[in-house]
Amino acid sequence: MQAHLSAIHDEMWDVIEDGPIVIMTVNTQASDQGAYPEVMIPKPKSQLSPEERTRTNLDNVAQDILYKYLDDSLFPKVRKCKTAKEIWDTLMSLGEGDEQENDNNLKMAMKKFEDFKMLPS
């Protein structure tokens, strides 16, 4: 998955690991905002350059790709996630399970393998 997303755009995997890209700009109205003004604020969409728009849209593209790879049983578990990072983190937690569950799955697989018999045909 990492190779696929990185092949689409260099920063796509960063969006999965770190969250959406937010383009910041200097707060020109900091002096009017009191004692502790925000020095940097998110840049308004209307002021974004085409390259910046592409970068801020990477989260939407990553979400779309992740949704397309999900089957019908996983989609309901991630449909309320707001970012690609949330989707990825949810999928990773679903895939890991707890340690006892993993041990049980391994024991069941080993038991099935030990009970495996070749039929005459």
PDB file of N, CA and C in Angstrom:
ATOM      1  N   MET A   1       0.830  -1.190   0.000  1.00  0.00           N
ATOM      2  CA  MET A   1       0.000   0.000   0.000  1.00  0.00           C
ATOM      3  C   MET A   1       0.873   1.252   0.000  1.00  0.00           C
ATOM      4  N   GLN A   2       1.943   1.225   0.799  1.00  0.00           N
ATOM      5  CA  GLN A   2       2.821   2.388   0.874  1.00  0.00           C
ATOM      6  C   GLN A   2       3.419   2.707  -0.490  1.00  0.00           C
ATOM      7  N   ALA A   3       3.874   1.682  -1.209  1.00  0.00           N
ATOM      8  CA  ALA A   3       4.468   1.903  -2.528  1.00  0.00           C
ATOM      9  C   ALA A   3       3.436   2.468  -3.495  1.00  0.00           C
ATOM     10  N   HIS A   4       2.218   1.946  -3.440  1.00  0.00           N
ATOM     11  CA  HIS A   4       1.156   2.414  -4.333  1.00  0.00           C
ATOM     12  C   HIS A   4       0.839   3.888  -4.079  1.00  0.00           C
ATOM     13  N   LEU A   5       0.662   4.252  -2.821  1.00  0.00           N
ATOM     14  CA  LEU A   5       0.326   5.639  -2.492  1.00  0.00           C
ATOM     15  C   LEU A   5       1.485   6.580  -2.798  1.00  0.00           C
ATOM     16  N   SER A   6       2.704   6.160  -2.513  1.00  0.00           N
ATOM     17  CA  SER A   6       3.871   7.000  -2.783  1.00  0.00           C
ATOM     18  C   SER A   6       4.089   7.184  -4.281  1.00  0.00           C
ATOM     19  N   ALA A   7       3.696   6.184  -5.069  1.00  0.00           N
ATOM     20  CA  ALA A   7       3.833   6.301  -6.520  1.00  0.00           C
ATOM     21  C   ALA A   7       2.875   7.338  -7.092  1.00  0.00           C
ATOM     22  N   ILE A   8       1.752   7.534  -6.445  1.00  0.00           N
ATOM     23  CA  ILE A   8       0.782   8.519  -6.918  1.00  0.00           C
ATOM     24  C   ILE A   8       1.279   9.937  -6.632  1.00  0.00           C
ATOM     25  N   HIS A   9       1.801  10.142  -5.419  1.00  0.00           N
ATOM     26  CA  HIS A   9       2.343  11.453  -5.036  1.00  0.00           C
ATOM     27  C   HIS A   9       3.333  11.243  -3.902  1.00  0.00           C
ATOM     28  N   ASP A  10       4.435  11.992  -3.936  1.00  0.00           N
ATOM     29  CA  ASP A  10       5.497  11.819  -2.940  1.00  0.00           C
ATOM     30  C   ASP A  10       5.007  11.976  -1.502  1.00  0.00           C
ATOM     31  N   GLU A  11       4.055  12.854  -1.277  1.00  0.00           N
ATOM     32  CA  GLU A  11       3.598  13.146   0.076  1.00  0.00           C
ATOM     33  C   GLU A  11       2.371  12.335   0.503  1.00  0.00           C
ATOM     34  N   MET A  12       1.920  11.436  -0.355  1.00  0.00           N
ATOM     35  CA  MET A  12       0.698  10.691  -0.049  1.00  0.00           C
ATOM     36  C   MET A  12       0.860   9.840   1.207  1.00  0.00           C
ATOM     37  N   TRP A  13       1.988   9.156   1.361  1.00  0.00           N
ATOM     38  CA  TRP A  13       2.170   8.322   2.548  1.00  0.00           C
ATOM     39  C   TRP A  13       2.289   9.181   3.803  1.00  0.00           C
ATOM     40  N   ASP A  14       2.844  10.386   3.665  1.00  0.00           N
ATOM     41  CA  ASP A  14       2.919  11.312   4.799  1.00  0.00           C
ATOM     42  C   ASP A  14       1.522  11.653   5.310  1.00  0.00           C
ATOM     43  N   VAL A  15       0.572  11.765   4.408  1.00  0.00           N
ATOM     44  CA  VAL A  15      -0.812  12.053   4.781  1.00  0.00           C
ATOM     45  C   VAL A  15      -1.381  10.889   5.597  1.00  0.00           C
ATOM     46  N   ILE A  16      -1.034   9.666   5.224  1.00  0.00           N
ATOM     47  CA  ILE A  16      -1.499   8.487   5.956  1.00  0.00           C
ATOM     48  C   ILE A  16      -0.891   8.456   7.357  1.00  0.00           C
ATOM     49  N   GLU A  17       0.394   8.767   7.462  1.00  0.00           N
ATOM     50  CA  GLU A  17       1.085   8.682   8.750  1.00  0.00           C
ATOM     51  C   GLU A  17       0.837   9.885   9.654  1.00  0.00           C
ATOM     52  N   ASP A  18       0.768  11.077   9.066  1.00  0.00           N
ATOM     53  CA  ASP A  18       0.740  12.309   9.866  1.00  0.00           C
ATOM     54  C   ASP A  18      -0.589  13.051   9.844  1.00  0.00           C
ATOM     55  N   GLY A  19      -1.465  12.725   8.931  1.00  0.00           N
ATOM     56  CA  GLY A  19      -2.727  13.437   8.813  1.00  0.00           C
ATOM     57  C   GLY A  19      -2.707  14.415   7.647  1.00  0.00           C
ATOM     58  N   PRO A  20      -3.816  15.097   7.428  1.00  0.00           N
ATOM     59  CA  PRO A  20      -3.940  16.012   6.282  1.00  0.00           C
ATOM     60  C   PRO A  20      -2.901  17.134   6.319  1.00  0.00           C
ATOM     61  N   ILE A  21      -2.513  17.558   5.135  1.00  0.00           N
ATOM     62  CA  ILE A  21      -1.588  18.678   5.009  1.00  0.00           C
ATOM     63  C   ILE A  21      -2.385  19.970   5.128  1.00  0.00           C
ATOM     64  N   VAL A  22      -1.930  20.855   6.004  1.00  0.00           N
ATOM     65  CA  VAL A  22      -2.567  22.153   6.183  1.00  0.00           C
ATOM     66  C   VAL A  22      -1.540  23.215   5.810  1.00  0.00           C
ATOM     67  N   ILE A  23      -1.848  24.004   4.792  1.00  0.00           N
ATOM     68  CA  ILE A  23      -0.957  25.082   4.369  1.00  0.00           C
ATOM     69  C   ILE A  23      -1.161  26.260   5.310  1.00  0.00           C
ATOM     70  N   MET A  24      -0.078  26.727   5.890  1.00  0.00           N
ATOM     71  CA  MET A  24      -0.150  27.818   6.866  1.00  0.00           C
ATOM     72  C   MET A  24       0.354  29.119   6.246  1.00  0.00           C
ATOM     73  N   THR A  25      -0.100  30.231   6.801  1.00  0.00           N
ATOM     74  CA  THR A  25       0.339  31.552   6.385  1.00  0.00           C
ATOM     75  C   THR A  25       0.510  32.424   7.626  1.00  0.00           C
ATOM     76  N   VAL A  26       1.240  33.507   7.471  1.00  0.00           N
ATOM     77  CA  VAL A  26       1.474  34.418   8.587  1.00  0.00           C
ATOM     78  C   VAL A  26       0.186  35.164   8.906  1.00  0.00           C
ATOM     79  N   ASN A  27      -0.127  35.271  10.184  1.00  0.00           N
ATOM     80  CA  ASN A  27      -1.315  35.982  10.638  1.00  0.00           C
ATOM     81  C   ASN A  27      -1.020  37.480  10.622  1.00  0.00           C
ATOM     82  N   THR A  28      -1.574  38.170   9.648  1.00  0.00           N
ATOM     83  CA  THR A  28      -1.326  39.614   9.522  1.00  0.00           C
ATOM     84  C   THR A  28      -2.137  40.426  10.529  1.00  0.00           C
ATOM     85  N   GLN A  29      -3.128  39.815  11.152  1.00  0.00           N
ATOM     86  CA  GLN A  29      -3.962  40.513  12.120  1.00  0.00           C
ATOM     87  C   GLN A  29      -3.607  40.130  13.556  1.00  0.00           C
ATOM     88  N   ALA A  30      -2.387  39.666  13.771  1.00  0.00           N
ATOM     89  CA  ALA A  30      -1.973  39.193  15.097  1.00  0.00           C
ATOM     90  C   ALA A  30      -2.008  40.314  16.134  1.00  0.00           C
ATOM     91  N   SER A  31      -1.701  41.526  15.727  1.00  0.00           N
ATOM     92  CA  SER A  31      -1.670  42.630  16.693  1.00  0.00           C
ATOM     93  C   SER A  31      -3.063  42.971  17.226  1.00  0.00           C
ATOM     94  N   ASP A  32      -4.113  42.635  16.479  1.00  0.00           N
ATOM     95  CA  ASP A  32      -5.485  42.925  16.893  1.00  0.00           C
ATOM     96  C   ASP A  32      -6.096  41.819  17.757  1.00  0.00           C
ATOM     97  N   GLN A  33      -5.362  40.731  17.989  1.00  0.00           N
ATOM     98  CA  GLN A  33      -5.947  39.562  18.627  1.00  0.00           C
ATOM     99  C   GLN A  33      -5.548  39.376  20.083  1.00  0.00           C
ATOM    100  N   GLY A  34      -5.042  40.364  20.724  1.00  0.00           N
ATOM    101  CA  GLY A  34      -4.771  40.260  22.156  1.00  0.00           C
ATOM    102  C   GLY A  34      -3.341  39.892  22.476  1.00  0.00           C
ATOM    103  N   ALA A  35      -3.141  39.369  23.692  1.00  0.00           N
ATOM    104  CA  ALA A  35      -1.804  39.139  24.228  1.00  0.00           C
ATOM    105  C   ALA A  35      -1.075  37.975  23.561  1.00  0.00           C
ATOM    106  N   TYR A  36      -1.772  36.886  23.249  1.00  0.00           N
ATOM    107  CA  TYR A  36      -1.119  35.697  22.680  1.00  0.00           C
ATOM    108  C   TYR A  36      -1.756  35.318  21.341  1.00  0.00           C
ATOM    109  N   PRO A  37      -1.487  36.100  20.320  1.00  0.00           N
ATOM    110  CA  PRO A  37      -2.098  35.811  19.018  1.00  0.00           C
ATOM    111  C   PRO A  37      -1.421  34.624  18.330  1.00  0.00           C
ATOM    112  N   GLU A  38      -2.158  33.994  17.466  1.00  0.00           N
ATOM    113  CA  GLU A  38      -1.601  32.930  16.635  1.00  0.00           C
ATOM    114  C   GLU A  38      -0.694  33.574  15.598  1.00  0.00           C
ATOM    115  N   VAL A  39       0.562  33.124  15.528  1.00  0.00           N
ATOM    116  CA  VAL A  39       1.502  33.683  14.565  1.00  0.00           C
ATOM    117  C   VAL A  39       1.214  33.131  13.174  1.00  0.00           C
ATOM    118  N   MET A  40       0.920  31.828  13.112  1.00  0.00           N
ATOM    119  CA  MET A  40       0.613  31.187  11.834  1.00  0.00           C
ATOM    120  C   MET A  40      -0.826  30.662  11.888  1.00  0.00           C
ATOM    121  N   ILE A  41      -1.544  30.848  10.800  1.00  0.00           N
ATOM    122  CA  ILE A  41      -2.926  30.389  10.704  1.00  0.00           C
ATOM    123  C   ILE A  41      -3.099  29.610   9.391  1.00  0.00           C
ATOM    124  N   PRO A  42      -4.110  28.747   9.311  1.00  0.00           N
ATOM    125  CA  PRO A  42      -4.354  28.055   8.041  1.00  0.00           C
ATOM    126  C   PRO A  42      -4.667  29.059   6.938  1.00  0.00           C
ATOM    127  N   LYS A  43      -4.072  28.823   5.787  1.00  0.00           N
ATOM    128  CA  LYS A  43      -4.274  29.698   4.641  1.00  0.00           C
ATOM    129  C   LYS A  43      -5.672  29.466   4.067  1.00  0.00           C
ATOM    130  N   PRO A  44      -6.439  30.542   3.808  1.00  0.00           N
ATOM    131  CA  PRO A  44      -7.784  30.377   3.227  1.00  0.00           C
ATOM    132  C   PRO A  44      -7.722  29.680   1.861  1.00  0.00           C
ATOM    133  N   LYS A  45      -8.726  28.860   1.576  1.00  0.00           N
ATOM    134  CA  LYS A  45      -8.760  28.132   0.300  1.00  0.00           C
ATOM    135  C   LYS A  45      -8.675  29.063  -0.902  1.00  0.00           C
ATOM    136  N   SER A  46      -9.272  30.215  -0.790  1.00  0.00           N
ATOM    137  CA  SER A  46      -9.286  31.150  -1.922  1.00  0.00           C
ATOM    138  C   SER A  46      -7.898  31.678  -2.264  1.00  0.00           C
ATOM    139  N   GLN A  47      -6.955  31.571  -1.331  1.00  0.00           N
ATOM    140  CA  GLN A  47      -5.605  32.084  -1.559  1.00  0.00           C
ATOM    141  C   GLN A  47      -4.596  30.997  -1.916  1.00  0.00           C
ATOM    142  N   LEU A  48      -5.043  29.761  -1.997  1.00  0.00           N
ATOM    143  CA  LEU A  48      -4.123  28.658  -2.299  1.00  0.00           C
ATOM    144  C   LEU A  48      -3.733  28.648  -3.773  1.00  0.00           C
ATOM    145  N   SER A  49      -2.455  28.362  -4.022  1.00  0.00           N
ATOM    146  CA  SER A  49      -1.983  28.193  -5.393  1.00  0.00           C
ATOM    147  C   SER A  49      -2.424  26.810  -5.881  1.00  0.00           C
ATOM    148  N   PRO A  50      -2.373  26.558  -7.182  1.00  0.00           N
ATOM    149  CA  PRO A  50      -2.762  25.227  -7.692  1.00  0.00           C
ATOM    150  C   PRO A  50      -1.942  24.092  -7.049  1.00  0.00           C
ATOM    151  N   GLU A  51      -0.661  24.297  -6.825  1.00  0.00           N
ATOM    152  CA  GLU A  51       0.172  23.276  -6.184  1.00  0.00           C
ATOM    153  C   GLU A  51      -0.271  23.039  -4.734  1.00  0.00           C
ATOM    154  N   GLU A  52      -0.587  24.111  -4.030  1.00  0.00           N
ATOM    155  CA  GLU A  52      -1.052  23.983  -2.643  1.00  0.00           C
ATOM    156  C   GLU A  52      -2.405  23.286  -2.582  1.00  0.00           C
ATOM    157  N   ARG A  53      -3.271  23.568  -3.543  1.00  0.00           N
ATOM    158  CA  ARG A  53      -4.573  22.893  -3.597  1.00  0.00           C
ATOM    159  C   ARG A  53      -4.382  21.384  -3.792  1.00  0.00           C
ATOM    160  N   THR A  54      -3.451  21.022  -4.654  1.00  0.00           N
ATOM    161  CA  THR A  54      -3.162  19.606  -4.882  1.00  0.00           C
ATOM    162  C   THR A  54      -2.676  18.949  -3.593  1.00  0.00           C
ATOM    163  N   ARG A  55      -1.794  19.609  -2.872  1.00  0.00           N
ATOM    164  CA  ARG A  55      -1.259  19.056  -1.617  1.00  0.00           C
ATOM    165  C   ARG A  55      -2.354  18.914  -0.555  1.00  0.00           C
ATOM    166  N   THR A  56      -3.230  19.912  -0.444  1.00  0.00           N
ATOM    167  CA  THR A  56      -4.286  19.829   0.572  1.00  0.00           C
ATOM    168  C   THR A  56      -5.343  18.786   0.209  1.00  0.00           C
ATOM    169  N   ASN A  57      -5.432  18.436  -1.066  1.00  0.00           N
ATOM    170  CA  ASN A  57      -6.408  17.445  -1.515  1.00  0.00           C
ATOM    171  C   ASN A  57      -5.889  16.010  -1.385  1.00  0.00           C
ATOM    172  N   LEU A  58      -4.631  15.826  -1.024  1.00  0.00           N
ATOM    173  CA  LEU A  58      -4.056  14.486  -0.935  1.00  0.00           C
ATOM    174  C   LEU A  58      -4.803  13.603   0.065  1.00  0.00           C
ATOM    175  N   ASP A  59      -5.312  14.186   1.127  1.00  0.00           N
ATOM    176  CA  ASP A  59      -6.060  13.391   2.105  1.00  0.00           C
ATOM    177  C   ASP A  59      -7.310  12.803   1.465  1.00  0.00           C
ATOM    178  N   ASN A  60      -8.007  13.585   0.658  1.00  0.00           N
ATOM    179  CA  ASN A  60      -9.205  13.079  -0.029  1.00  0.00           C
ATOM    180  C   ASN A  60      -8.854  11.954  -0.997  1.00  0.00           C
ATOM    181  N   VAL A  61      -7.748  12.117  -1.704  1.00  0.00           N
ATOM    182  CA  VAL A  61      -7.313  11.086  -2.654  1.00  0.00           C
ATOM    183  C   VAL A  61      -6.957   9.801  -1.897  1.00  0.00           C
ATOM    184  N   ALA A  62      -6.233   9.945  -0.790  1.00  0.00           N
ATOM    185  CA  ALA A  62      -5.854   8.775   0.010  1.00  0.00           C
ATOM    186  C   ALA A  62      -7.097   8.072   0.566  1.00  0.00           C
ATOM    187  N   GLN A  63      -8.073   8.836   1.042  1.00  0.00           N
ATOM    188  CA  GLN A  63      -9.316   8.235   1.536  1.00  0.00           C
ATOM    189  C   GLN A  63     -10.002   7.442   0.432  1.00  0.00           C
ATOM    190  N   ASP A  64     -10.064   8.024  -0.755  1.00  0.00           N
ATOM    191  CA  ASP A  64     -10.705   7.358  -1.885  1.00  0.00           C
ATOM    192  C   ASP A  64     -10.019   6.037  -2.205  1.00  0.00           C
ATOM    193  N   ILE A  65      -8.703   6.043  -2.218  1.00  0.00           N
ATOM    194  CA  ILE A  65      -7.955   4.820  -2.518  1.00  0.00           C
ATOM    195  C   ILE A  65      -8.205   3.764  -1.438  1.00  0.00           C
ATOM    196  N   LEU A  66      -8.151   4.171  -0.184  1.00  0.00           N
ATOM    197  CA  LEU A  66      -8.380   3.209   0.903  1.00  0.00           C
ATOM    198  C   LEU A  66      -9.791   2.634   0.836  1.00  0.00           C
ATOM    199  N   TYR A  67     -10.786   3.479   0.587  1.00  0.00           N
ATOM    200  CA  TYR A  67     -12.167   2.998   0.489  1.00  0.00           C
ATOM    201  C   TYR A  67     -12.330   1.984  -0.649  1.00  0.00           C
ATOM    202  N   LYS A  68     -11.652   2.216  -1.762  1.00  0.00           N
ATOM    203  CA  LYS A  68     -11.781   1.316  -2.908  1.00  0.00           C
ATOM    204  C   LYS A  68     -11.197  -0.064  -2.634  1.00  0.00           C
ATOM    205  N   TYR A  69     -10.229  -0.149  -1.735  1.00  0.00           N
ATOM    206  CA  TYR A  69      -9.612  -1.432  -1.426  1.00  0.00           C
ATOM    207  C   TYR A  69     -10.358  -2.207  -0.334  1.00  0.00           C
ATOM    208  N   LEU A  70     -11.324  -1.599   0.300  1.00  0.00           N
ATOM    209  CA  LEU A  70     -12.040  -2.251   1.392  1.00  0.00           C
ATOM    210  C   LEU A  70     -13.150  -3.147   0.870  1.00  0.00           C
ATOM    211  N   ASP A  71     -13.368  -4.254   1.577  1.00  0.00           N
ATOM    212  CA  ASP A  71     -14.508  -5.093   1.224  1.00  0.00           C
ATOM    213  C   ASP A  71     -15.724  -4.642   2.034  1.00  0.00           C
ATOM    214  N   ASP A  72     -16.846  -5.263   1.772  1.00  0.00           N
ATOM    215  CA  ASP A  72     -18.104  -4.841   2.398  1.00  0.00           C
ATOM    216  C   ASP A  72     -18.119  -5.030   3.913  1.00  0.00           C
ATOM    217  N   SER A  73     -17.289  -5.915   4.436  1.00  0.00           N
ATOM    218  CA  SER A  73     -17.287  -6.134   5.884  1.00  0.00           C
ATOM    219  C   SER A  73     -16.478  -5.073   6.625  1.00  0.00           C
ATOM    220  N   LEU A  74     -15.485  -4.478   5.965  1.00  0.00           N
ATOM    221  CA  LEU A  74     -14.636  -3.481   6.631  1.00  0.00           C
ATOM    222  C   LEU A  74     -15.148  -2.048   6.471  1.00  0.00           C
ATOM    223  N   PHE A  75     -15.821  -1.768   5.374  1.00  0.00           N
ATOM    224  CA  PHE A  75     -16.247  -0.395   5.119  1.00  0.00           C
ATOM    225  C   PHE A  75     -17.092   0.203   6.248  1.00  0.00           C
ATOM    226  N   PRO A  76     -18.076  -0.527   6.792  1.00  0.00           N
ATOM    227  CA  PRO A  76     -18.876   0.073   7.876  1.00  0.00           C
ATOM    228  C   PRO A  76     -18.052   0.440   9.109  1.00  0.00           C
ATOM    229  N   LYS A  77     -16.927  -0.220   9.301  1.00  0.00           N
ATOM    230  CA  LYS A  77     -16.096   0.050  10.476  1.00  0.00           C
ATOM    231  C   LYS A  77     -15.266   1.322  10.332  1.00  0.00           C
ATOM    232  N   VAL A  78     -15.103   1.815   9.111  1.00  0.00           N
ATOM    233  CA  VAL A  78     -14.276   3.016   8.903  1.00  0.00           C
ATOM    234  C   VAL A  78     -15.029   4.172   8.248  1.00  0.00           C
ATOM    235  N   ARG A  79     -16.302   3.979   7.972  1.00  0.00           N
ATOM    236  CA  ARG A  79     -17.029   5.009   7.212  1.00  0.00           C
ATOM    237  C   ARG A  79     -17.161   6.338   7.945  1.00  0.00           C
ATOM    238  N   LYS A  80     -17.083   6.339   9.266  1.00  0.00           N
ATOM    239  CA  LYS A  80     -17.212   7.584  10.021  1.00  0.00           C
ATOM    240  C   LYS A  80     -15.877   8.294  10.230  1.00  0.00           C
ATOM    241  N   CYS A  81     -14.790   7.698   9.785  1.00  0.00           N
ATOM    242  CA  CYS A  81     -13.470   8.320   9.917  1.00  0.00           C
ATOM    243  C   CYS A  81     -13.401   9.562   9.037  1.00  0.00           C
ATOM    244  N   LYS A  82     -12.801  10.611   9.568  1.00  0.00           N
ATOM    245  CA  LYS A  82     -12.754  11.895   8.870  1.00  0.00           C
ATOM    246  C   LYS A  82     -11.517  12.071   7.999  1.00  0.00           C
ATOM    247  N   THR A  83     -10.432  11.358   8.306  1.00  0.00           N
ATOM    248  CA  THR A  83      -9.184  11.518   7.551  1.00  0.00           C
ATOM    249  C   THR A  83      -8.650  10.153   7.140  1.00  0.00           C
ATOM    250  N   ALA A  84      -7.719  10.177   6.183  1.00  0.00           N
ATOM    251  CA  ALA A  84      -7.080   8.945   5.748  1.00  0.00           C
ATOM    252  C   ALA A  84      -6.278   8.331   6.891  1.00  0.00           C
ATOM    253  N   LYS A  85      -5.686   9.158   7.731  1.00  0.00           N
ATOM    254  CA  LYS A  85      -4.933   8.664   8.884  1.00  0.00           C
ATOM    255  C   LYS A  85      -5.847   7.896   9.830  1.00  0.00           C
ATOM    256  N   GLU A  86      -7.034   8.425  10.103  1.00  0.00           N
ATOM    257  CA  GLU A  86      -7.994   7.728  10.969  1.00  0.00           C
ATOM    258  C   GLU A  86      -8.401   6.384  10.361  1.00  0.00           C
ATOM    259  N   ILE A  87      -8.639   6.362   9.060  1.00  0.00           N
ATOM    260  CA  ILE A  87      -9.012   5.122   8.381  1.00  0.00           C
ATOM    261  C   ILE A  87      -7.889   4.104   8.537  1.00  0.00           C
ATOM    262  N   TRP A  88      -6.659   4.535   8.256  1.00  0.00           N
ATOM    263  CA  TRP A  88      -5.510   3.639   8.323  1.00  0.00           C
ATOM    264  C   TRP A  88      -5.315   3.108   9.742  1.00  0.00           C
ATOM    265  N   ASP A  89      -5.379   3.996  10.727  1.00  0.00           N
ATOM    266  CA  ASP A  89      -5.200   3.578  12.123  1.00  0.00           C
ATOM    267  C   ASP A  89      -6.281   2.583  12.545  1.00  0.00           C
ATOM    268  N   THR A  90      -7.510   2.813  12.109  1.00  0.00           N
ATOM    269  CA  THR A  90      -8.606   1.889  12.424  1.00  0.00           C
ATOM    270  C   THR A  90      -8.366   0.529  11.783  1.00  0.00           C
ATOM    271  N   LEU A  91      -7.955   0.535  10.527  1.00  0.00           N
ATOM    272  CA  LEU A  91      -7.681  -0.730   9.839  1.00  0.00           C
ATOM    273  C   LEU A  91      -6.534  -1.483  10.508  1.00  0.00           C
ATOM    274  N   MET A  92      -5.509  -0.762  10.931  1.00  0.00           N
ATOM    275  CA  MET A  92      -4.379  -1.406  11.599  1.00  0.00           C
ATOM    276  C   MET A  92      -4.811  -2.014  12.935  1.00  0.00           C
ATOM    277  N   SER A  93      -5.646  -1.320  13.667  1.00  0.00           N
ATOM    278  CA  SER A  93      -6.102  -1.863  14.952  1.00  0.00           C
ATOM    279  C   SER A  93      -7.022  -3.069  14.745  1.00  0.00           C
ATOM    280  N   LEU A  94      -7.825  -3.047  13.692  1.00  0.00           N
ATOM    281  CA  LEU A  94      -8.687  -4.192  13.392  1.00  0.00           C
ATOM    282  C   LEU A  94      -7.860  -5.402  12.977  1.00  0.00           C
ATOM    283  N   GLY A  95      -6.793  -5.157  12.242  1.00  0.00           N
ATOM    284  CA  GLY A  95      -5.952  -6.242  11.757  1.00  0.00           C
ATOM    285  C   GLY A  95      -5.104  -6.867  12.840  1.00  0.00           C
ATOM    286  N   GLU A  96      -4.741  -6.094  13.830  1.00  0.00           N
ATOM    287  CA  GLU A  96      -3.866  -6.610  14.878  1.00  0.00           C
ATOM    288  C   GLU A  96      -4.614  -7.483  15.860  1.00  0.00           C
ATOM    289  N   GLY A  97      -5.750  -7.043  16.353  1.00  0.00           N
ATOM    290  CA  GLY A  97      -6.462  -7.788  17.383  1.00  0.00           C
ATOM    291  C   GLY A  97      -5.639  -7.802  18.663  1.00  0.00           C
ATOM    292  N   ASP A  98      -6.156  -8.438  19.696  1.00  0.00           N
ATOM    293  CA  ASP A  98      -5.365  -8.507  20.916  1.00  0.00           C
ATOM    294  C   ASP A  98      -4.475  -9.748  20.880  1.00  0.00           C
ATOM    295  N   GLU A  99      -3.527  -9.821  21.791  1.00  0.00           N
ATOM    296  CA  GLU A  99      -2.537 -10.890  21.788  1.00  0.00           C
ATOM    297  C   GLU A  99      -3.172 -12.263  21.989  1.00  0.00           C
ATOM    298  N   GLN A 100      -4.156 -12.346  22.867  1.00  0.00           N
ATOM    299  CA  GLN A 100      -4.819 -13.622  23.116  1.00  0.00           C
ATOM    300  C   GLN A 100      -5.543 -14.109  21.857  1.00  0.00           C
ATOM    301  N   GLU A 101      -6.186 -13.192  21.150  1.00  0.00           N
ATOM    302  CA  GLU A 101      -6.884 -13.555  19.916  1.00  0.00           C
ATOM    303  C   GLU A 101      -5.895 -14.074  18.878  1.00  0.00           C
ATOM    304  N   ASN A 102      -4.743 -13.412  18.754  1.00  0.00           N
ATOM    305  CA  ASN A 102      -3.730 -13.869  17.805  1.00  0.00           C
ATOM    306  C   ASN A 102      -3.211 -15.254  18.174  1.00  0.00           C
ATOM    307  N   ASP A 103      -2.986 -15.501  19.470  1.00  0.00           N
ATOM    308  CA  ASP A 103      -2.538 -16.823  19.913  1.00  0.00           C
ATOM    309  C   ASP A 103      -3.578 -17.889  19.593  1.00  0.00           C
ATOM    310  N   ASN A 104      -4.845 -17.574  19.839  1.00  0.00           N
ATOM    311  CA  ASN A 104      -5.919 -18.532  19.536  1.00  0.00           C
ATOM    312  C   ASN A 104      -5.982 -18.844  18.048  1.00  0.00           C
ATOM    313  N   ASN A 105      -5.847 -17.821  17.223  1.00  0.00           N
ATOM    314  CA  ASN A 105      -5.874 -18.029  15.774  1.00  0.00           C
ATOM    315  C   ASN A 105      -4.706 -18.899  15.331  1.00  0.00           C
ATOM    316  N   LEU A 106      -3.534 -18.661  15.907  1.00  0.00           N
ATOM    317  CA  LEU A 106      -2.364 -19.455  15.559  1.00  0.00           C
ATOM    318  C   LEU A 106      -2.562 -20.913  15.984  1.00  0.00           C
ATOM    319  N   LYS A 107      -3.087 -21.143  17.181  1.00  0.00           N
ATOM    320  CA  LYS A 107      -3.329 -22.516  17.656  1.00  0.00           C
ATOM    321  C   LYS A 107      -4.348 -23.229  16.772  1.00  0.00           C
ATOM    322  N   MET A 108      -5.388 -22.509  16.371  1.00  0.00           N
ATOM    323  CA  MET A 108      -6.408 -23.112  15.492  1.00  0.00           C
ATOM    324  C   MET A 108      -5.789 -23.486  14.144  1.00  0.00           C
ATOM    325  N   ALA A 109      -4.961 -22.624  13.601  1.00  0.00           N
ATOM    326  CA  ALA A 109      -4.328 -22.911  12.318  1.00  0.00           C
ATOM    327  C   ALA A 109      -3.387 -24.104  12.438  1.00  0.00           C
ATOM    328  N   MET A 110      -2.631 -24.167  13.528  1.00  0.00           N
ATOM    329  CA  MET A 110      -1.722 -25.301  13.730  1.00  0.00           C
ATOM    330  C   MET A 110      -2.503 -26.599  13.887  1.00  0.00           C
ATOM    331  N   LYS A 111      -3.617 -26.559  14.603  1.00  0.00           N
ATOM    332  CA  LYS A 111      -4.458 -27.742  14.800  1.00  0.00           C
ATOM    333  C   LYS A 111      -5.020 -28.222  13.462  1.00  0.00           C
ATOM    334  N   LYS A 112      -5.495 -27.302  12.647  1.00  0.00           N
ATOM    335  CA  LYS A 112      -6.029 -27.669  11.335  1.00  0.00           C
ATOM    336  C   LYS A 112      -4.933 -28.281  10.466  1.00  0.00           C
ATOM    337  N   PHE A 113      -3.729 -27.736  10.559  1.00  0.00           N
ATOM    338  CA  PHE A 113      -2.621 -28.271   9.776  1.00  0.00           C
ATOM    339  C   PHE A 113      -2.266 -29.676  10.234  1.00  0.00           C
ATOM    340  N   GLU A 114      -2.236 -29.895  11.545  1.00  0.00           N
ATOM    341  CA  GLU A 114      -1.916 -31.222  12.090  1.00  0.00           C
ATOM    342  C   GLU A 114      -2.991 -32.234  11.714  1.00  0.00           C
ATOM    343  N   ASP A 115      -4.244 -31.807  11.650  1.00  0.00           N
ATOM    344  CA  ASP A 115      -5.346 -32.705  11.305  1.00  0.00           C
ATOM    345  C   ASP A 115      -5.527 -32.893   9.807  1.00  0.00           C
ATOM    346  N   PHE A 116      -4.733 -32.186   9.036  1.00  0.00           N
ATOM    347  CA  PHE A 116      -4.854 -32.245   7.596  1.00  0.00           C
ATOM    348  C   PHE A 116      -4.488 -33.651   7.102  1.00  0.00           C
ATOM    349  N   LYS A 117      -5.341 -34.249   6.307  1.00  0.00           N
ATOM    350  CA  LYS A 117      -5.096 -35.583   5.770  1.00  0.00           C
ATOM    351  C   LYS A 117      -5.348 -35.544   4.263  1.00  0.00           C
ATOM    352  N   MET A 118      -4.520 -36.287   3.572  1.00  0.00           N
ATOM    353  CA  MET A 118      -4.717 -36.360   2.129  1.00  0.00           C
ATOM    354  C   MET A 118      -5.760 -37.431   1.838  1.00  0.00           C
ATOM    355  N   LEU A 119      -6.739 -37.078   1.078  1.00  0.00           N
ATOM    356  CA  LEU A 119      -7.780 -38.024   0.701  1.00  0.00           C
ATOM    357  C   LEU A 119      -7.285 -38.886  -0.477  1.00  0.00           C
ATOM    358  N   PRO A 120      -7.878 -40.085  -0.665  1.00  0.00           N
ATOM    359  CA  PRO A 120      -7.427 -40.970  -1.730  1.00  0.00           C
ATOM    360  C   PRO A 120      -7.496 -40.321  -3.118  1.00  0.00           C
ATOM    361  N   SER A 121      -8.463 -39.482  -3.347  1.00  0.00           N
ATOM    362  CA  SER A 121      -8.574 -38.887  -4.668  1.00  0.00           C
ATOM    363  C   SER A 121      -7.810 -37.589  -4.692  1.00  0.00           C
TER     364      SER A 121
END
